[in-house]
Amino acid sequence: MNEGMENLKEIEDLEDKVKKTKEITKAYDAAHQLNRIASALEEILRLVKKDQEESKKRWEKETIGE
């Protein structure tokens, strides 16, 4: 193979590596976003559970107080 063909092959290999890197980056970004969504949902569930417990305590006080 001549030098020009070797350079062309090297360029193609580098382009493939760049393409794969971009795909990996997109997958990482998507995973990061999903992790943020999961964390937000966990916080929402924690707050809802806390509110339900507080509401239950208030309801029990009101019921016992009648």
PDB file of N, CA and C in Angstrom:
ATOM      1  N   MET A   1       0.850  -1.170   0.000  1.00  0.00           N
ATOM      2  CA  MET A   1       0.000   0.000   0.000  1.00  0.00           C
ATOM      3  C   MET A   1       0.902   1.241   0.000  1.00  0.00           C
ATOM      4  N   ASN A   2       0.502   2.232  -0.764  1.00  0.00           N
ATOM      5  CA  ASN A   2       1.337   3.437  -0.783  1.00  0.00           C
ATOM      6  C   ASN A   2       0.980   4.378   0.364  1.00  0.00           C
ATOM      7  N   GLU A   3       1.781   5.383   0.520  1.00  0.00           N
ATOM      8  CA  GLU A   3       1.621   6.294   1.659  1.00  0.00           C
ATOM      9  C   GLU A   3       0.263   6.990   1.647  1.00  0.00           C
ATOM     10  N   GLY A   4      -0.211   7.383   0.480  1.00  0.00           N
ATOM     11  CA  GLY A   4      -1.513   8.050   0.369  1.00  0.00           C
ATOM     12  C   GLY A   4      -2.645   7.153   0.833  1.00  0.00           C
ATOM     13  N   MET A   5      -2.582   5.877   0.469  1.00  0.00           N
ATOM     14  CA  MET A   5      -3.618   4.924   0.889  1.00  0.00           C
ATOM     15  C   MET A   5      -3.555   4.684   2.394  1.00  0.00           C
ATOM     16  N   GLU A   6      -2.346   4.639   2.927  1.00  0.00           N
ATOM     17  CA  GLU A   6      -2.184   4.452   4.368  1.00  0.00           C
ATOM     18  C   GLU A   6      -2.764   5.646   5.126  1.00  0.00           C
ATOM     19  N   ASN A   7      -2.513   6.838   4.612  1.00  0.00           N
ATOM     20  CA  ASN A   7      -3.067   8.039   5.246  1.00  0.00           C
ATOM     21  C   ASN A   7      -4.592   8.041   5.179  1.00  0.00           C
ATOM     22  N   LEU A   8      -5.137   7.621   4.040  1.00  0.00           N
ATOM     23  CA  LEU A   8      -6.582   7.562   3.884  1.00  0.00           C
ATOM     24  C   LEU A   8      -7.186   6.581   4.885  1.00  0.00           C
ATOM     25  N   LYS A   9      -6.558   5.429   5.035  1.00  0.00           N
ATOM     26  CA  LYS A   9      -7.025   4.421   5.995  1.00  0.00           C
ATOM     27  C   LYS A   9      -6.962   4.975   7.416  1.00  0.00           C
ATOM     28  N   GLU A  10      -5.892   5.672   7.738  1.00  0.00           N
ATOM     29  CA  GLU A  10      -5.755   6.260   9.070  1.00  0.00           C
ATOM     30  C   GLU A  10      -6.845   7.304   9.316  1.00  0.00           C
ATOM     31  N   ILE A  11      -7.138   8.105   8.311  1.00  0.00           N
ATOM     32  CA  ILE A  11      -8.198   9.118   8.435  1.00  0.00           C
ATOM     33  C   ILE A  11      -9.551   8.443   8.651  1.00  0.00           C
ATOM     34  N   GLU A  12      -9.817   7.390   7.898  1.00  0.00           N
ATOM     35  CA  GLU A  12     -11.081   6.657   8.054  1.00  0.00           C
ATOM     36  C   GLU A  12     -11.193   6.054   9.452  1.00  0.00           C
ATOM     37  N   ASP A  13     -10.090   5.505   9.948  1.00  0.00           N
ATOM     38  CA  ASP A  13     -10.083   4.937  11.306  1.00  0.00           C
ATOM     39  C   ASP A  13     -10.370   6.020  12.343  1.00  0.00           C
ATOM     40  N   LEU A  14      -9.762   7.178  12.168  1.00  0.00           N
ATOM     41  CA  LEU A  14      -9.991   8.283  13.106  1.00  0.00           C
ATOM     42  C   LEU A  14     -11.432   8.765  13.034  1.00  0.00           C
ATOM     43  N   GLU A  15     -11.997   8.822  11.835  1.00  0.00           N
ATOM     44  CA  GLU A  15     -13.404   9.225  11.687  1.00  0.00           C
ATOM     45  C   GLU A  15     -14.320   8.236  12.393  1.00  0.00           C
ATOM     46  N   ASP A  16     -14.021   6.940  12.276  1.00  0.00           N
ATOM     47  CA  ASP A  16     -14.809   5.917  12.967  1.00  0.00           C
ATOM     48  C   ASP A  16     -14.722   6.095  14.487  1.00  0.00           C
ATOM     49  N   LYS A  17     -13.522   6.392  14.971  1.00  0.00           N
ATOM     50  CA  LYS A  17     -13.344   6.602  16.412  1.00  0.00           C
ATOM     51  C   LYS A  17     -14.120   7.823  16.886  1.00  0.00           C
ATOM     52  N   VAL A  18     -14.117   8.876  16.084  1.00  0.00           N
ATOM     53  CA  VAL A  18     -14.863  10.082  16.440  1.00  0.00           C
ATOM     54  C   VAL A  18     -16.359   9.771  16.474  1.00  0.00           C
ATOM     55  N   LYS A  19     -16.841   9.038  15.485  1.00  0.00           N
ATOM     56  CA  LYS A  19     -18.261   8.674  15.431  1.00  0.00           C
ATOM     57  C   LYS A  19     -18.652   7.848  16.659  1.00  0.00           C
ATOM     58  N   LYS A  20     -17.823   6.861  17.006  1.00  0.00           N
ATOM     59  CA  LYS A  20     -18.105   6.028  18.178  1.00  0.00           C
ATOM     60  C   LYS A  20     -18.074   6.856  19.461  1.00  0.00           C
ATOM     61  N   THR A  21     -17.133   7.778  19.552  1.00  0.00           N
ATOM     62  CA  THR A  21     -17.034   8.647  20.724  1.00  0.00           C
ATOM     63  C   THR A  21     -18.283   9.506  20.863  1.00  0.00           C
ATOM     64  N   LYS A  22     -18.774  10.026  19.737  1.00  0.00           N
ATOM     65  CA  LYS A  22     -20.003  10.835  19.776  1.00  0.00           C
ATOM     66  C   LYS A  22     -21.186   9.994  20.217  1.00  0.00           C
ATOM     67  N   GLU A  23     -21.268   8.748  19.748  1.00  0.00           N
ATOM     68  CA  GLU A  23     -22.362   7.858  20.151  1.00  0.00           C
ATOM     69  C   GLU A  23     -22.295   7.559  21.644  1.00  0.00           C
ATOM     70  N   ILE A  24     -21.080   7.326  22.135  1.00  0.00           N
ATOM     71  CA  ILE A  24     -20.899   7.056  23.567  1.00  0.00           C
ATOM     72  C   ILE A  24     -21.281   8.287  24.382  1.00  0.00           C
ATOM     73  N   THR A  25     -20.894   9.458  23.890  1.00  0.00           N
ATOM     74  CA  THR A  25     -21.223  10.699  24.585  1.00  0.00           C
ATOM     75  C   THR A  25     -22.733  10.896  24.650  1.00  0.00           C
ATOM     76  N   LYS A  26     -23.418  10.632  23.549  1.00  0.00           N
ATOM     77  CA  LYS A  26     -24.880  10.754  23.548  1.00  0.00           C
ATOM     78  C   LYS A  26     -25.506   9.788  24.541  1.00  0.00           C
ATOM     79  N   ALA A  27     -25.006   8.565  24.580  1.00  0.00           N
ATOM     80  CA  ALA A  27     -25.538   7.571  25.517  1.00  0.00           C
ATOM     81  C   ALA A  27     -25.277   8.008  26.959  1.00  0.00           C
ATOM     82  N   TYR A  28     -24.091   8.544  27.221  1.00  0.00           N
ATOM     83  CA  TYR A  28     -23.766   9.023  28.563  1.00  0.00           C
ATOM     84  C   TYR A  28     -24.677  10.179  28.949  1.00  0.00           C
ATOM     85  N   ASP A  29     -24.897  11.106  28.018  1.00  0.00           N
ATOM     86  CA  ASP A  29     -25.775  12.242  28.295  1.00  0.00           C
ATOM     87  C   ASP A  29     -27.198  11.764  28.592  1.00  0.00           C
ATOM     88  N   ALA A  30     -27.679  10.796  27.816  1.00  0.00           N
ATOM     89  CA  ALA A  30     -29.020  10.255  28.045  1.00  0.00           C
ATOM     90  C   ALA A  30     -29.095   9.587  29.419  1.00  0.00           C
ATOM     91  N   ALA A  31     -28.076   8.817  29.757  1.00  0.00           N
ATOM     92  CA  ALA A  31     -28.058   8.151  31.060  1.00  0.00           C
ATOM     93  C   ALA A  31     -28.032   9.176  32.189  1.00  0.00           C
ATOM     94  N   HIS A  32     -27.272  10.239  32.000  1.00  0.00           N
ATOM     95  CA  HIS A  32     -27.207  11.295  33.010  1.00  0.00           C
ATOM     96  C   HIS A  32     -28.583  11.944  33.196  1.00  0.00           C
ATOM     97  N   GLN A  33     -29.258  12.216  32.092  1.00  0.00           N
ATOM     98  CA  GLN A  33     -30.592  12.815  32.179  1.00  0.00           C
ATOM     99  C   GLN A  33     -31.567  11.865  32.871  1.00  0.00           C
ATOM    100  N   LEU A  34     -31.494  10.578  32.546  1.00  0.00           N
ATOM    101  CA  LEU A  34     -32.367   9.608  33.208  1.00  0.00           C
ATOM    102  C   LEU A  34     -32.075   9.540  34.701  1.00  0.00           C
ATOM    103  N   ASN A  35     -30.826   9.642  35.067  1.00  0.00           N
ATOM    104  CA  ASN A  35     -30.462   9.641  36.482  1.00  0.00           C
ATOM    105  C   ASN A  35     -31.033  10.860  37.196  1.00  0.00           C
ATOM    106  N   ARG A  36     -30.987  12.009  36.535  1.00  0.00           N
ATOM    107  CA  ARG A  36     -31.563  13.228  37.123  1.00  0.00           C
ATOM    108  C   ARG A  36     -33.070  13.071  37.297  1.00  0.00           C
ATOM    109  N   ILE A  37     -33.745  12.475  36.304  1.00  0.00           N
ATOM    110  CA  ILE A  37     -35.190  12.257  36.394  1.00  0.00           C
ATOM    111  C   ILE A  37     -35.501  11.307  37.550  1.00  0.00           C
ATOM    112  N   ALA A  38     -34.723  10.235  37.657  1.00  0.00           N
ATOM    113  CA  ALA A  38     -34.940   9.269  38.736  1.00  0.00           C
ATOM    114  C   ALA A  38     -34.756   9.928  40.102  1.00  0.00           C
ATOM    115  N   SER A  39     -33.748  10.761  40.236  1.00  0.00           N
ATOM    116  CA  SER A  39     -33.517  11.463  41.503  1.00  0.00           C
ATOM    117  C   SER A  39     -34.674  12.397  41.834  1.00  0.00           C
ATOM    118  N   ALA A  40     -35.179  13.093  40.815  1.00  0.00           N
ATOM    119  CA  ALA A  40     -36.312  13.999  41.035  1.00  0.00           C
ATOM    120  C   ALA A  40     -37.550  13.209  41.452  1.00  0.00           C
ATOM    121  N   LEU A  41     -37.783  12.074  40.814  1.00  0.00           N
ATOM    122  CA  LEU A  41     -38.944  11.249  41.182  1.00  0.00           C
ATOM    123  C   LEU A  41     -38.817  10.710  42.609  1.00  0.00           C
ATOM    124  N   GLU A  42     -37.612  10.319  42.992  1.00  0.00           N
ATOM    125  CA  GLU A  42     -37.395   9.858  44.368  1.00  0.00           C
ATOM    126  C   GLU A  42     -37.719  10.969  45.364  1.00  0.00           C
ATOM    127  N   GLU A  43     -37.308  12.180  45.049  1.00  0.00           N
ATOM    128  CA  GLU A  43     -37.583  13.309  45.942  1.00  0.00           C
ATOM    129  C   GLU A  43     -39.081  13.584  46.010  1.00  0.00           C
ATOM    130  N   ILE A  44     -39.760  13.511  44.890  1.00  0.00           N
ATOM    131  CA  ILE A  44     -41.214  13.714  44.875  1.00  0.00           C
ATOM    132  C   ILE A  44     -41.896  12.662  45.737  1.00  0.00           C
ATOM    133  N   LEU A  45     -41.498  11.406  45.565  1.00  0.00           N
ATOM    134  CA  LEU A  45     -42.095  10.332  46.371  1.00  0.00           C
ATOM    135  C   LEU A  45     -41.817  10.531  47.862  1.00  0.00           C
ATOM    136  N   ARG A  46     -40.617  10.977  48.195  1.00  0.00           N
ATOM    137  CA  ARG A  46     -40.281  11.238  49.604  1.00  0.00           C
ATOM    138  C   ARG A  46     -41.183  12.318  50.177  1.00  0.00           C
ATOM    139  N   LEU A  47     -41.389  13.389  49.397  1.00  0.00           N
ATOM    140  CA  LEU A  47     -42.225  14.493  49.870  1.00  0.00           C
ATOM    141  C   LEU A  47     -43.696  14.080  49.986  1.00  0.00           C
ATOM    142  N   VAL A  48     -44.172  13.286  49.041  1.00  0.00           N
ATOM    143  CA  VAL A  48     -45.560  12.812  49.103  1.00  0.00           C
ATOM    144  C   VAL A  48     -45.758  11.917  50.320  1.00  0.00           C
ATOM    145  N   LYS A  49     -44.816  11.015  50.559  1.00  0.00           N
ATOM    146  CA  LYS A  49     -44.907  10.123  51.715  1.00  0.00           C
ATOM    147  C   LYS A  49     -44.907  10.930  53.017  1.00  0.00           C
ATOM    148  N   LYS A  50     -44.027  11.922  53.096  1.00  0.00           N
ATOM    149  CA  LYS A  50     -43.957  12.773  54.280  1.00  0.00           C
ATOM    150  C   LYS A  50     -45.290  13.495  54.488  1.00  0.00           C
ATOM    151  N   ASP A  51     -45.842  14.035  53.413  1.00  0.00           N
ATOM    152  CA  ASP A  51     -47.123  14.739  53.504  1.00  0.00           C
ATOM    153  C   ASP A  51     -48.240  13.794  53.939  1.00  0.00           C
ATOM    154  N   GLN A  52     -48.233  12.578  53.407  1.00  0.00           N
ATOM    155  CA  GLN A  52     -49.261  11.610  53.799  1.00  0.00           C
ATOM    156  C   GLN A  52     -49.161  11.264  55.280  1.00  0.00           C
ATOM    157  N   GLU A  53     -47.942  11.102  55.763  1.00  0.00           N
ATOM    158  CA  GLU A  53     -47.764  10.796  57.188  1.00  0.00           C
ATOM    159  C   GLU A  53     -48.255  11.946  58.061  1.00  0.00           C
ATOM    160  N   GLU A  54     -47.930  13.176  57.653  1.00  0.00           N
ATOM    161  CA  GLU A  54     -48.377  14.338  58.421  1.00  0.00           C
ATOM    162  C   GLU A  54     -49.901  14.472  58.363  1.00  0.00           C
ATOM    163  N   SER A  55     -50.475  14.223  57.213  1.00  0.00           N
ATOM    164  CA  SER A  55     -51.938  14.294  57.075  1.00  0.00           C
ATOM    165  C   SER A  55     -52.607  13.229  57.940  1.00  0.00           C
ATOM    166  N   LYS A  56     -52.024  12.033  57.964  1.00  0.00           N
ATOM    167  CA  LYS A  56     -52.578  10.948  58.774  1.00  0.00           C
ATOM    168  C   LYS A  56     -52.552  11.335  60.246  1.00  0.00           C
ATOM    169  N   LYS A  57     -51.450  11.931  60.721  1.00  0.00           N
ATOM    170  CA  LYS A  57     -51.351  12.355  62.119  1.00  0.00           C
ATOM    171  C   LYS A  57     -52.406  13.409  62.442  1.00  0.00           C
ATOM    172  N   ARG A  58     -52.586  14.395  61.524  1.00  0.00           N
ATOM    173  CA  ARG A  58     -53.593  15.433  61.747  1.00  0.00           C
ATOM    174  C   ARG A  58     -54.992  14.821  61.790  1.00  0.00           C
ATOM    175  N   TRP A  59     -55.251  13.899  60.879  1.00  0.00           N
ATOM    176  CA  TRP A  59     -56.568  13.266  60.812  1.00  0.00           C
ATOM    177  C   TRP A  59     -56.838  12.468  62.089  1.00  0.00           C
ATOM    178  N   GLU A  60     -55.816  11.748  62.583  1.00  0.00           N
ATOM    179  CA  GLU A  60     -55.981  10.973  63.807  1.00  0.00           C
ATOM    180  C   GLU A  60     -56.233  11.892  64.997  1.00  0.00           C
ATOM    181  N   LYS A  61     -55.540  13.041  65.059  1.00  0.00           N
ATOM    182  CA  LYS A  61     -55.771  14.005  66.148  1.00  0.00           C
ATOM    183  C   LYS A  61     -57.190  14.531  66.103  1.00  0.00           C
ATOM    184  N   GLU A  62     -57.644  14.886  64.897  1.00  0.00           N
ATOM    185  CA  GLU A  62     -58.986  15.443  64.749  1.00  0.00           C
ATOM    186  C   GLU A  62     -60.046  14.399  65.085  1.00  0.00           C
ATOM    187  N   THR A  63     -59.818  13.162  64.684  1.00  0.00           N
ATOM    188  CA  THR A  63     -60.784  12.100  64.933  1.00  0.00           C
ATOM    189  C   THR A  63     -60.856  11.781  66.430  1.00  0.00           C
ATOM    190  N   ILE A  64     -59.712  11.722  67.075  1.00  0.00           N
ATOM    191  CA  ILE A  64     -59.652  11.412  68.508  1.00  0.00           C
ATOM    192  C   ILE A  64     -60.230  12.582  69.296  1.00  0.00           C
ATOM    193  N   GLY A  65     -60.025  13.784  68.822  1.00  0.00           N
ATOM    194  CA  GLY A  65     -60.483  14.977  69.524  1.00  0.00           C
ATOM    195  C   GLY A  65     -61.995  15.165  69.485  1.00  0.00           C
ATOM    196  N   GLU A  66     -62.692  14.477  68.585  1.00  0.00           N
ATOM    197  CA  GLU A  66     -64.165  14.673  68.479  1.00  0.00           C
ATOM    198  C   GLU A  66     -64.920  14.008  69.581  1.00  0.00           C
TER     199      GLU A  66
END
